[in-house]
N, C-alpha and C. Protein backbone atom coordinates (compact mmCIF):
# COMPACT_ATOMS: atom_id res chain seq x y z
N UNK A 1 27.82 141.91 6.65
CA UNK A 1 26.60 141.46 7.82
C UNK A 1 26.61 142.90 8.36
N UNK A 2 25.15 142.96 8.77
CA UNK A 2 24.94 144.31 9.52
C UNK A 2 24.98 144.04 11.18
N UNK A 3 25.58 144.89 11.80
CA UNK A 3 25.69 145.24 13.35
C UNK A 3 24.27 144.73 13.97
N UNK A 4 24.34 144.14 15.13
CA UNK A 4 23.41 143.93 15.66
C UNK A 4 22.90 145.27 16.70
N UNK A 5 21.85 145.83 16.41
CA UNK A 5 21.76 147.14 17.68
C UNK A 5 21.57 146.92 18.97
N UNK A 6 20.82 145.53 19.32
CA UNK A 6 20.28 145.21 20.58
C UNK A 6 21.69 144.68 21.37
N UNK A 7 22.44 144.09 20.27
CA UNK A 7 23.51 143.30 21.46
C UNK A 7 24.75 145.09 21.44
N UNK A 8 24.74 145.88 20.37
CA UNK A 8 25.83 146.75 20.65
C UNK A 8 25.27 147.99 21.78
N UNK A 9 23.81 147.69 21.96
CA UNK A 9 23.26 148.49 23.21
C UNK A 9 23.97 148.05 24.42
N UNK A 10 23.43 146.77 24.29
CA UNK A 10 23.73 145.64 25.67
C UNK A 10 25.50 146.06 25.89
N UNK A 11 25.95 145.90 25.03
CA UNK A 11 27.63 145.94 25.41
C UNK A 11 27.75 147.47 26.06
N UNK A 12 27.26 148.54 25.12
CA UNK A 12 27.60 149.95 25.64
C UNK A 12 27.08 149.74 27.08
N UNK A 13 26.18 149.43 27.71
CA UNK A 13 25.47 149.41 28.90
C UNK A 13 26.29 148.77 29.81
N UNK A 14 26.77 147.72 29.57
CA UNK A 14 27.50 146.61 30.19
C UNK A 14 28.93 147.28 30.66
N UNK A 15 29.62 147.56 29.79
CA UNK A 15 31.07 148.27 29.99
C UNK A 15 31.29 149.13 30.96
N UNK A 16 30.24 150.15 31.49
CA UNK A 16 30.67 150.71 32.61
C UNK A 16 30.27 150.71 33.83
N UNK A 17 29.52 149.30 33.57
CA UNK A 17 29.07 148.71 35.03
C UNK A 17 29.97 147.70 35.19
N UNK A 18 30.49 148.65 36.89
CA UNK A 18 31.88 147.46 37.26
C UNK A 18 31.54 146.01 37.39
N UNK A 19 30.02 145.96 37.92
CA UNK A 19 29.59 144.15 38.12
C UNK A 19 29.55 143.65 36.73
N UNK A 20 29.47 143.99 35.63
CA UNK A 20 29.30 143.04 34.40
C UNK A 20 30.90 142.91 33.83
N UNK A 21 31.03 141.50 34.30
CA UNK A 21 32.11 140.59 33.99
C UNK A 21 32.09 139.48 33.22
N UNK A 22 33.03 139.10 32.31
CA UNK A 22 32.80 138.13 31.83
C UNK A 22 33.77 136.93 31.88
N UNK A 23 34.65 137.63 32.70
CA UNK A 23 35.86 136.34 33.32
C UNK A 23 36.34 136.85 34.50
N UNK A 24 37.08 135.58 35.15
CA UNK A 24 37.55 136.24 36.70
C UNK A 24 38.96 136.27 36.76
N UNK A 25 39.43 137.16 37.43
CA UNK A 25 40.80 137.01 37.46
C UNK A 25 41.27 136.91 39.20
N UNK A 26 42.25 137.06 39.42
CA UNK A 26 42.67 136.99 41.04
C UNK A 26 42.29 138.11 42.07
N UNK A 27 42.75 139.06 41.05
CA UNK A 27 42.34 140.78 41.71
C UNK A 27 40.73 140.80 42.01
N UNK A 28 40.18 140.87 40.79
CA UNK A 28 38.58 140.47 41.27
C UNK A 28 37.85 139.59 41.76
N UNK A 29 38.56 138.49 42.13
CA UNK A 29 37.92 137.62 43.10
C UNK A 29 38.40 137.94 44.59
N UNK A 30 39.53 138.51 44.68
CA UNK A 30 40.12 138.74 45.96
C UNK A 30 39.20 140.05 46.40
N UNK A 31 38.95 140.85 45.56
CA UNK A 31 37.98 142.25 46.15
C UNK A 31 36.55 141.59 46.25
N UNK A 32 36.11 140.34 45.70
CA UNK A 32 35.09 139.87 45.86
C UNK A 32 35.08 139.49 47.07
N UNK A 33 35.77 138.50 47.52
CA UNK A 33 35.96 138.12 48.97
C UNK A 33 36.06 139.09 50.25
N UNK A 34 36.43 140.13 49.46
CA UNK A 34 36.46 141.49 50.44
C UNK A 34 35.46 141.78 50.67
N UNK A 35 34.55 142.05 50.12
CA UNK A 35 33.02 142.33 49.87
C UNK A 35 32.21 141.39 50.81
N UNK A 36 32.43 140.08 50.40
CA UNK A 36 31.76 138.85 51.12
C UNK A 36 31.83 139.23 52.39
N UNK A 37 33.49 139.14 52.77
CA UNK A 37 33.71 139.19 54.34
C UNK A 37 32.96 140.44 55.01
N UNK A 38 32.84 141.25 54.31
CA UNK A 38 32.48 143.02 54.84
C UNK A 38 31.21 142.69 54.84
N UNK A 39 30.28 141.91 54.28
CA UNK A 39 29.04 141.78 54.11
C UNK A 39 28.53 140.70 55.72
N UNK A 40 29.49 139.74 55.69
CA UNK A 40 29.34 139.10 56.86
C UNK A 40 29.66 139.65 57.97
N UNK A 41 30.58 140.92 57.98
CA UNK A 41 30.68 141.56 59.56
C UNK A 41 29.51 142.57 59.69
N UNK A 42 28.69 142.87 58.92
CA UNK A 42 27.64 143.43 58.82
C UNK A 42 26.23 142.60 59.06
N UNK A 43 26.38 141.65 58.88
CA UNK A 43 25.45 140.40 59.33
C UNK A 43 23.91 140.76 58.38
N UNK A 44 23.96 141.48 57.36
CA UNK A 44 22.91 141.75 56.59
C UNK A 44 22.64 140.90 55.77
N UNK A 45 21.70 140.02 56.25
CA UNK A 45 21.51 138.80 54.94
C UNK A 45 21.27 139.14 53.65
N UNK A 46 20.41 140.02 53.39
CA UNK A 46 19.79 140.16 52.07
C UNK A 46 21.41 140.21 51.13
N UNK A 47 22.58 141.40 51.65
CA UNK A 47 23.73 141.44 51.01
C UNK A 47 24.36 140.27 50.61
N UNK A 48 24.44 139.54 52.21
CA UNK A 48 25.01 138.23 51.71
C UNK A 48 24.58 137.36 51.07
N UNK A 49 23.38 137.00 51.05
CA UNK A 49 22.86 136.26 50.04
C UNK A 49 22.79 136.79 48.26
N UNK A 50 23.22 137.93 48.25
CA UNK A 50 22.97 138.31 46.94
C UNK A 50 24.58 137.82 46.19
N UNK A 51 25.41 137.38 46.98
CA UNK A 51 26.69 137.28 46.79
C UNK A 51 26.73 135.33 46.45
N UNK A 52 25.32 134.99 46.76
CA UNK A 52 25.22 133.58 46.23
C UNK A 52 24.59 132.98 45.29
N UNK A 53 25.41 132.26 44.29
CA UNK A 53 24.43 131.91 43.06
C UNK A 53 23.40 131.30 43.11
N UNK A 54 22.09 131.32 42.18
CA UNK A 54 20.91 130.67 42.07
C UNK A 54 21.13 129.33 42.54
N UNK A 55 22.07 128.62 41.89
CA UNK A 55 22.28 126.81 42.36
C UNK A 55 23.41 126.86 43.46
N UNK A 56 23.52 127.89 44.45
CA UNK A 56 24.61 127.80 45.62
C UNK A 56 24.27 126.34 46.43
N UNK A 57 25.22 125.63 46.64
CA UNK A 57 25.44 124.72 47.73
C UNK A 57 26.42 124.77 48.75
N UNK A 58 25.78 124.62 49.71
CA UNK A 58 26.93 124.77 50.88
C UNK A 58 27.26 123.51 51.72
N UNK A 59 28.09 122.72 51.57
CA UNK A 59 28.75 121.27 52.32
C UNK A 59 29.27 121.66 53.99
N UNK A 60 28.50 121.72 54.87
CA UNK A 60 29.22 122.14 56.19
C UNK A 60 29.45 120.51 56.74
N UNK A 61 31.01 120.62 57.84
CA UNK A 61 31.28 119.89 58.43
C UNK A 61 31.59 120.77 60.00
N UNK A 62 30.68 120.42 60.82
CA UNK A 62 31.12 121.25 62.09
C UNK A 62 31.08 120.34 63.18
N UNK A 63 32.05 120.53 63.86
CA UNK A 63 32.70 119.97 65.28
C UNK A 63 32.56 120.91 66.25
N UNK A 64 31.29 120.38 67.26
CA UNK A 64 31.25 121.56 68.79
C UNK A 64 31.98 121.18 69.19
N UNK A 65 31.98 122.12 70.36
CA UNK A 65 32.71 122.22 71.70
C UNK A 65 33.19 120.99 72.30
N UNK A 66 32.06 120.12 71.94
CA UNK A 66 31.94 118.86 72.75
C UNK A 66 32.51 117.64 71.99
N UNK A 67 33.72 117.61 71.99
CA UNK A 67 34.44 116.59 70.88
C UNK A 67 34.20 115.42 71.26
N UNK A 68 33.60 114.93 72.43
CA UNK A 68 33.30 113.43 72.46
C UNK A 68 32.03 113.02 71.47
N UNK A 69 31.59 113.90 70.94
CA UNK A 69 30.45 113.74 69.95
C UNK A 69 30.71 114.07 68.67
N UNK A 70 30.85 113.14 67.73
CA UNK A 70 31.18 113.38 66.26
C UNK A 70 30.62 114.50 65.56
N UNK A 71 31.43 115.22 64.56
CA UNK A 71 31.01 116.22 63.57
C UNK A 71 29.40 116.03 63.27
N UNK A 72 29.14 117.16 62.84
CA UNK A 72 27.74 117.25 62.14
C UNK A 72 27.69 117.64 60.91
N UNK A 73 27.29 117.10 59.91
CA UNK A 73 27.29 117.46 58.27
C UNK A 73 25.99 117.74 57.92
N UNK A 74 26.05 118.85 56.91
CA UNK A 74 24.72 119.68 56.78
C UNK A 74 24.83 120.22 55.22
N UNK A 75 23.85 119.99 54.41
CA UNK A 75 24.02 120.12 53.26
C UNK A 75 23.04 121.36 53.21
N UNK A 76 23.23 122.62 52.50
CA UNK A 76 22.03 123.53 52.47
C UNK A 76 22.11 124.06 50.83
N UNK A 77 20.83 124.42 50.64
CA UNK A 77 21.26 125.11 49.47
C UNK A 77 21.04 126.76 49.41
N UNK A 78 20.78 127.42 48.40
CA UNK A 78 20.71 128.71 48.90
C UNK A 78 19.39 129.17 49.82
N UNK A 79 18.62 128.88 49.35
CA UNK A 79 17.10 129.20 50.32
C UNK A 79 17.52 128.88 51.59
N UNK A 80 18.02 127.81 52.08
CA UNK A 80 18.48 127.45 53.80
C UNK A 80 19.57 128.64 54.16
N UNK A 81 20.58 128.69 53.02
CA UNK A 81 21.41 129.27 53.71
C UNK A 81 21.34 130.65 53.81
N UNK A 82 20.39 131.48 53.11
CA UNK A 82 19.79 132.55 53.23
C UNK A 82 18.92 132.81 54.39
N UNK A 83 18.04 131.83 54.81
CA UNK A 83 17.67 132.11 56.00
C UNK A 83 18.16 131.69 57.04
N UNK A 84 19.19 131.11 57.11
CA UNK A 84 20.36 130.82 58.61
C UNK A 84 21.08 132.40 58.45
N UNK A 85 21.16 132.54 57.47
CA UNK A 85 22.12 134.05 57.37
C UNK A 85 21.22 135.44 58.08
N UNK A 86 19.93 135.05 58.16
CA UNK A 86 19.19 135.73 58.78
C UNK A 86 19.36 135.84 60.17
N UNK A 87 19.59 134.81 60.66
CA UNK A 87 19.37 134.76 62.20
C UNK A 87 20.82 135.65 62.89
N UNK A 88 21.59 136.12 62.23
CA UNK A 88 23.02 136.44 62.40
C UNK A 88 22.71 137.92 62.86
N UNK A 89 21.62 138.52 62.47
CA UNK A 89 21.20 139.93 62.23
C UNK A 89 20.95 140.23 63.62
N UNK A 90 20.67 139.27 64.59
CA UNK A 90 20.15 139.73 66.10
C UNK A 90 21.50 139.70 66.90
N UNK A 91 22.69 139.34 66.40
CA UNK A 91 23.96 139.41 66.73
C UNK A 91 24.34 140.81 67.11
N UNK A 92 24.80 141.26 68.37
CA UNK A 92 25.41 142.69 68.91
C UNK A 92 27.04 142.72 68.71
N UNK A 93 27.36 141.16 69.37
CA UNK A 93 28.93 141.41 69.14
C UNK A 93 29.16 140.30 68.32
N UNK A 94 30.35 140.54 67.61
CA UNK A 94 30.73 139.59 66.28
C UNK A 94 32.13 140.15 65.49
N UNK A 95 32.78 139.09 65.40
CA UNK A 95 34.00 139.35 64.94
C UNK A 95 34.56 138.47 63.98
N UNK A 96 34.69 138.71 62.59
CA UNK A 96 35.33 137.72 61.62
C UNK A 96 36.92 137.96 61.43
N UNK A 97 37.55 137.46 61.22
CA UNK A 97 39.08 137.49 60.86
C UNK A 97 39.29 136.53 59.91
N UNK A 98 39.66 136.95 58.52
CA UNK A 98 40.36 136.31 57.77
C UNK A 98 42.14 135.78 58.06
N UNK A 99 42.03 134.71 58.07
CA UNK A 99 43.54 134.52 58.49
C UNK A 99 44.59 134.16 57.11
N UNK A 100 44.05 133.55 56.06
CA UNK A 100 44.53 132.98 54.96
C UNK A 100 43.64 133.07 53.91
N UNK A 101 44.10 133.55 52.34
CA UNK A 101 43.34 133.36 51.49
C UNK A 101 44.23 132.89 50.35
N UNK A 102 44.04 131.95 49.21
CA UNK A 102 43.99 131.46 48.02
C UNK A 102 43.61 131.35 47.14
N UNK A 103 43.91 132.02 46.24
CA UNK A 103 43.00 132.22 44.71
C UNK A 103 43.66 131.37 43.72
N UNK A 104 42.92 130.18 43.03
CA UNK A 104 43.55 129.62 41.87
C UNK A 104 42.53 129.69 40.97
N UNK A 105 42.56 130.55 40.01
CA UNK A 105 42.01 130.54 38.98
C UNK A 105 42.05 129.62 37.69
N UNK A 106 40.62 128.98 36.98
CA UNK A 106 40.56 128.32 36.08
C UNK A 106 41.22 128.81 34.78
N UNK A 107 41.71 127.93 34.32
CA UNK A 107 42.53 128.11 32.78
C UNK A 107 41.47 128.88 31.74
N UNK A 108 40.16 128.67 32.03
CA UNK A 108 39.34 129.37 31.01
C UNK A 108 38.79 130.74 31.57
N UNK A 109 39.36 130.96 32.67
CA UNK A 109 38.81 132.09 33.64
C UNK A 109 37.24 132.36 33.52
N UNK A 110 36.80 131.35 33.98
CA UNK A 110 35.39 131.35 34.04
C UNK A 110 34.91 131.05 35.88
N UNK A 111 35.64 130.54 36.33
CA UNK A 111 35.75 129.93 37.69
C UNK A 111 36.83 130.46 38.09
N UNK A 112 37.08 130.13 39.65
CA UNK A 112 38.35 130.35 40.32
C UNK A 112 38.03 129.67 41.98
N UNK A 113 38.88 128.51 42.37
CA UNK A 113 38.75 128.17 43.67
C UNK A 113 39.36 128.88 44.51
N UNK A 114 38.69 129.36 45.63
CA UNK A 114 39.38 130.17 46.79
C UNK A 114 39.45 129.23 48.22
N UNK A 115 40.49 129.30 48.69
CA UNK A 115 40.76 128.60 49.88
C UNK A 115 41.01 129.70 51.14
N UNK A 116 40.10 129.48 51.88
CA UNK A 116 40.00 130.71 52.99
C UNK A 116 40.16 129.93 54.56
N UNK A 117 40.59 130.83 55.30
CA UNK A 117 40.75 129.96 56.65
C UNK A 117 40.09 131.51 57.17
N UNK A 118 39.22 131.24 58.44
CA UNK A 118 38.20 132.24 59.07
C UNK A 118 38.13 131.96 60.65
N UNK A 119 38.44 132.85 61.44
CA UNK A 119 37.90 132.68 62.68
C UNK A 119 36.87 133.76 63.39
N UNK A 120 35.91 133.23 63.74
CA UNK A 120 34.74 133.82 64.35
C UNK A 120 34.68 133.92 65.31
N UNK A 121 34.16 135.01 66.22
CA UNK A 121 34.18 135.27 67.74
C UNK A 121 32.52 135.67 68.07
N UNK A 122 31.96 135.17 68.60
CA UNK A 122 30.46 135.46 68.58
C UNK A 122 29.91 134.97 69.93
N UNK A 123 28.62 135.26 70.37
CA UNK A 123 28.23 135.12 71.77
C UNK A 123 27.52 133.59 71.68
N UNK A 124 27.81 132.47 72.69
CA UNK A 124 27.38 131.28 72.40
C UNK A 124 25.96 131.49 73.36
N UNK A 125 24.85 131.08 72.83
CA UNK A 125 23.73 130.78 73.61
C UNK A 125 23.21 129.23 73.93
N UNK A 126 23.22 129.06 74.74
CA UNK A 126 22.57 127.71 75.56
C UNK A 126 21.70 127.01 74.18
N UNK A 127 21.96 125.88 73.60
CA UNK A 127 20.59 125.57 72.92
C UNK A 127 19.48 125.38 73.11
N UNK A 128 19.00 124.96 74.67
CA UNK A 128 17.67 125.12 74.96
C UNK A 128 17.12 126.05 75.76
N UNK A 129 18.27 126.97 75.87
CA UNK A 129 17.41 128.54 76.40
C UNK A 129 17.07 129.27 75.50
N UNK A 130 16.17 130.20 75.86
CA UNK A 130 15.89 131.27 74.89
C UNK A 130 16.24 132.56 75.73
N UNK A 131 16.94 133.40 75.30
CA UNK A 131 17.89 134.39 75.80
C UNK A 131 17.09 135.43 75.82
N UNK A 132 16.99 136.60 77.12
CA UNK A 132 15.92 137.24 77.11
C UNK A 132 16.53 138.59 76.72
N UNK A 133 17.71 138.45 76.58
CA UNK A 133 18.54 139.88 75.91
C UNK A 133 19.53 139.43 75.10
N UNK A 134 20.32 140.04 73.99
CA UNK A 134 21.01 140.11 73.89
C UNK A 134 22.51 139.89 74.53
N UNK A 135 22.35 140.11 75.44
CA UNK A 135 23.61 139.89 76.41
C UNK A 135 23.88 138.57 77.38
N UNK A 136 22.13 138.07 77.56
CA UNK A 136 22.26 136.85 78.07
C UNK A 136 22.76 135.48 77.76
N UNK A 137 24.40 135.67 77.79
CA UNK A 137 25.44 134.21 77.50
C UNK A 137 26.49 134.73 78.22
N UNK A 138 26.84 133.38 78.69
CA UNK A 138 28.19 133.28 79.38
C UNK A 138 29.55 133.07 79.01
N UNK A 139 29.20 132.61 77.52
CA UNK A 139 30.31 132.46 76.82
C UNK A 139 30.47 132.77 75.45
N UNK A 140 31.69 132.99 74.81
CA UNK A 140 32.23 133.31 73.34
C UNK A 140 32.04 131.96 72.85
N UNK A 141 31.65 132.12 71.77
CA UNK A 141 32.13 131.13 70.75
C UNK A 141 33.38 131.68 69.68
N UNK A 142 34.39 130.69 69.78
CA UNK A 142 35.22 130.77 68.68
C UNK A 142 35.38 129.91 67.60
N UNK A 143 34.87 130.03 66.43
CA UNK A 143 34.62 129.08 64.97
C UNK A 143 35.94 129.57 64.38
N UNK A 144 36.60 128.40 64.21
CA UNK A 144 37.68 128.58 63.26
C UNK A 144 37.26 127.53 62.02
N UNK A 145 37.43 128.37 60.81
CA UNK A 145 36.64 127.62 59.65
C UNK A 145 37.52 127.65 58.84
N UNK A 146 37.48 126.49 57.67
CA UNK A 146 38.29 126.63 56.47
C UNK A 146 37.39 126.06 55.72
N UNK A 147 37.41 127.06 54.56
CA UNK A 147 36.56 127.30 53.26
C UNK A 147 37.16 126.85 51.99
N UNK A 148 36.70 126.03 51.22
CA UNK A 148 36.68 125.91 49.86
C UNK A 148 35.59 126.38 48.70
N UNK A 149 35.77 127.18 48.30
CA UNK A 149 34.69 127.74 47.77
C UNK A 149 35.12 127.63 45.99
N UNK A 150 34.32 127.41 45.15
CA UNK A 150 34.43 127.89 43.51
C UNK A 150 33.25 129.23 43.59
N UNK A 151 34.05 130.01 42.95
CA UNK A 151 33.05 131.23 42.39
C UNK A 151 33.11 131.35 40.78
N UNK A 152 32.29 132.07 40.32
CA UNK A 152 32.11 132.31 39.11
C UNK A 152 31.46 133.44 38.47
N UNK A 153 30.90 133.88 37.09
CA UNK A 153 30.07 134.68 36.94
C UNK A 153 28.67 134.23 36.52
N UNK A 154 27.91 135.29 37.26
CA UNK A 154 26.35 134.84 37.35
C UNK A 154 25.73 135.98 36.96
N UNK A 155 24.99 136.42 35.73
CA UNK A 155 24.34 137.53 35.60
C UNK A 155 25.24 138.57 35.69
N UNK A 156 26.39 138.59 35.23
CA UNK A 156 27.40 139.21 34.97
C UNK A 156 28.48 140.08 36.17
N UNK A 157 27.83 139.19 37.23
CA UNK A 157 28.60 139.36 38.86
C UNK A 157 29.30 138.29 39.30
N UNK A 158 30.41 138.24 39.83
CA UNK A 158 30.84 137.23 40.56
C UNK A 158 30.39 136.67 41.75
N UNK A 159 29.72 135.32 42.36
CA UNK A 159 28.94 135.13 42.84
C UNK A 159 29.72 133.66 43.60
N UNK A 160 29.52 133.32 44.73
CA UNK A 160 29.91 131.97 44.93
C UNK A 160 28.79 130.72 44.42
N UNK A 161 29.57 129.61 43.80
CA UNK A 161 28.71 128.79 43.17
C UNK A 161 28.51 127.60 44.46
N UNK A 162 29.51 127.03 45.02
CA UNK A 162 29.58 125.95 45.97
C UNK A 162 30.74 126.65 47.01
N UNK A 163 30.33 125.98 48.39
CA UNK A 163 31.55 126.14 49.19
C UNK A 163 31.45 124.68 50.18
N UNK A 164 32.78 124.31 50.28
CA UNK A 164 32.83 123.33 51.08
C UNK A 164 33.41 123.84 52.64
N UNK A 165 32.71 123.53 53.72
CA UNK A 165 33.17 124.20 54.92
C UNK A 165 33.37 123.19 55.97
N UNK A 166 34.63 123.56 56.59
CA UNK A 166 35.09 122.59 57.80
C UNK A 166 35.18 123.70 59.03
N UNK A 167 34.34 123.36 60.05
CA UNK A 167 34.64 124.07 61.08
C UNK A 167 34.70 123.64 62.53
N UNK A 168 35.33 124.33 63.16
CA UNK A 168 35.50 123.68 64.92
C UNK A 168 34.91 124.65 65.83
N UNK A 169 34.46 124.13 66.87
CA UNK A 169 33.98 125.40 67.62
C UNK A 169 34.46 125.22 69.22
N UNK A 170 35.18 126.32 70.06
CA UNK A 170 35.56 126.34 71.18
C UNK A 170 34.83 126.95 72.06
N UNK A 171 34.49 127.16 73.06
CA UNK A 171 33.98 128.08 74.12
C UNK A 171 34.89 128.66 75.16
N UNK A 172 34.89 129.85 75.23
CA UNK A 172 35.58 130.66 76.43
C UNK A 172 34.85 131.56 76.97
N UNK A 173 35.39 131.78 78.49
CA UNK A 173 34.20 132.78 78.93
C UNK A 173 33.97 134.29 78.50
N UNK A 174 32.87 134.88 79.00
CA UNK A 174 32.50 136.17 78.29
C UNK A 174 33.49 136.76 78.49
N UNK A 175 34.06 136.71 80.09
CA UNK A 175 34.95 137.92 80.58
C UNK A 175 36.21 137.54 80.09
N UNK A 176 36.64 136.54 79.44
CA UNK A 176 37.82 136.76 78.98
C UNK A 176 38.48 137.49 77.69
N UNK A 177 37.26 137.92 76.89
CA UNK A 177 37.72 138.99 75.56
C UNK A 177 36.60 139.83 76.07
N UNK A 178 36.88 141.47 75.16
CA UNK A 178 36.14 142.19 74.88
C UNK A 178 35.83 142.15 73.49
N UNK A 179 34.75 142.60 73.40
CA UNK A 179 34.18 142.52 71.82
C UNK A 179 33.33 143.57 71.82
N UNK A 180 33.39 144.53 71.00
CA UNK A 180 32.59 145.97 71.07
C UNK A 180 31.20 145.54 70.07
N UNK A 181 30.28 146.46 70.52
CA UNK A 181 29.04 146.32 70.30
C UNK A 181 28.88 146.97 68.91
N UNK A 182 28.12 146.36 67.89
CA UNK A 182 27.72 147.32 66.73
C UNK A 182 26.04 147.28 66.50
């Protein structure tokens, strides 16, 4: 049987590329999550979106600061998620801290389940008011989030395939903490 020159060429091109993967392992998944966290900290939507698979789904349960009102549940596909990610580019004060990560690689090494806890600090703009400037807010919101994500290989890169997210929001005075501008 003759070797297939097209296959050999593709393999030769794929090997030197860092993003061309066939399996996941704990080290590569942790590096991927670090990359995703860095993209979130920069709040650059195209970079955030490229880390989501073409059929990405997010299921979010969000408990706002008014605990007398029950949590809100939202389902987002990749397109809606990316549109929402674009709104974060306007933020000038933002802090993301990962508190916990656990990676469980599937036996076939095609996917991994990633459990994380994050705390985000960002301005809180009143829902019915249009801010005149990015500084036009009185409170910061602290959002505590637990994510359960499935990551896998798509197009030779590790991507988020789905995420189940549970978040709760707390408001604090704008003067109680200092967040640097970036």
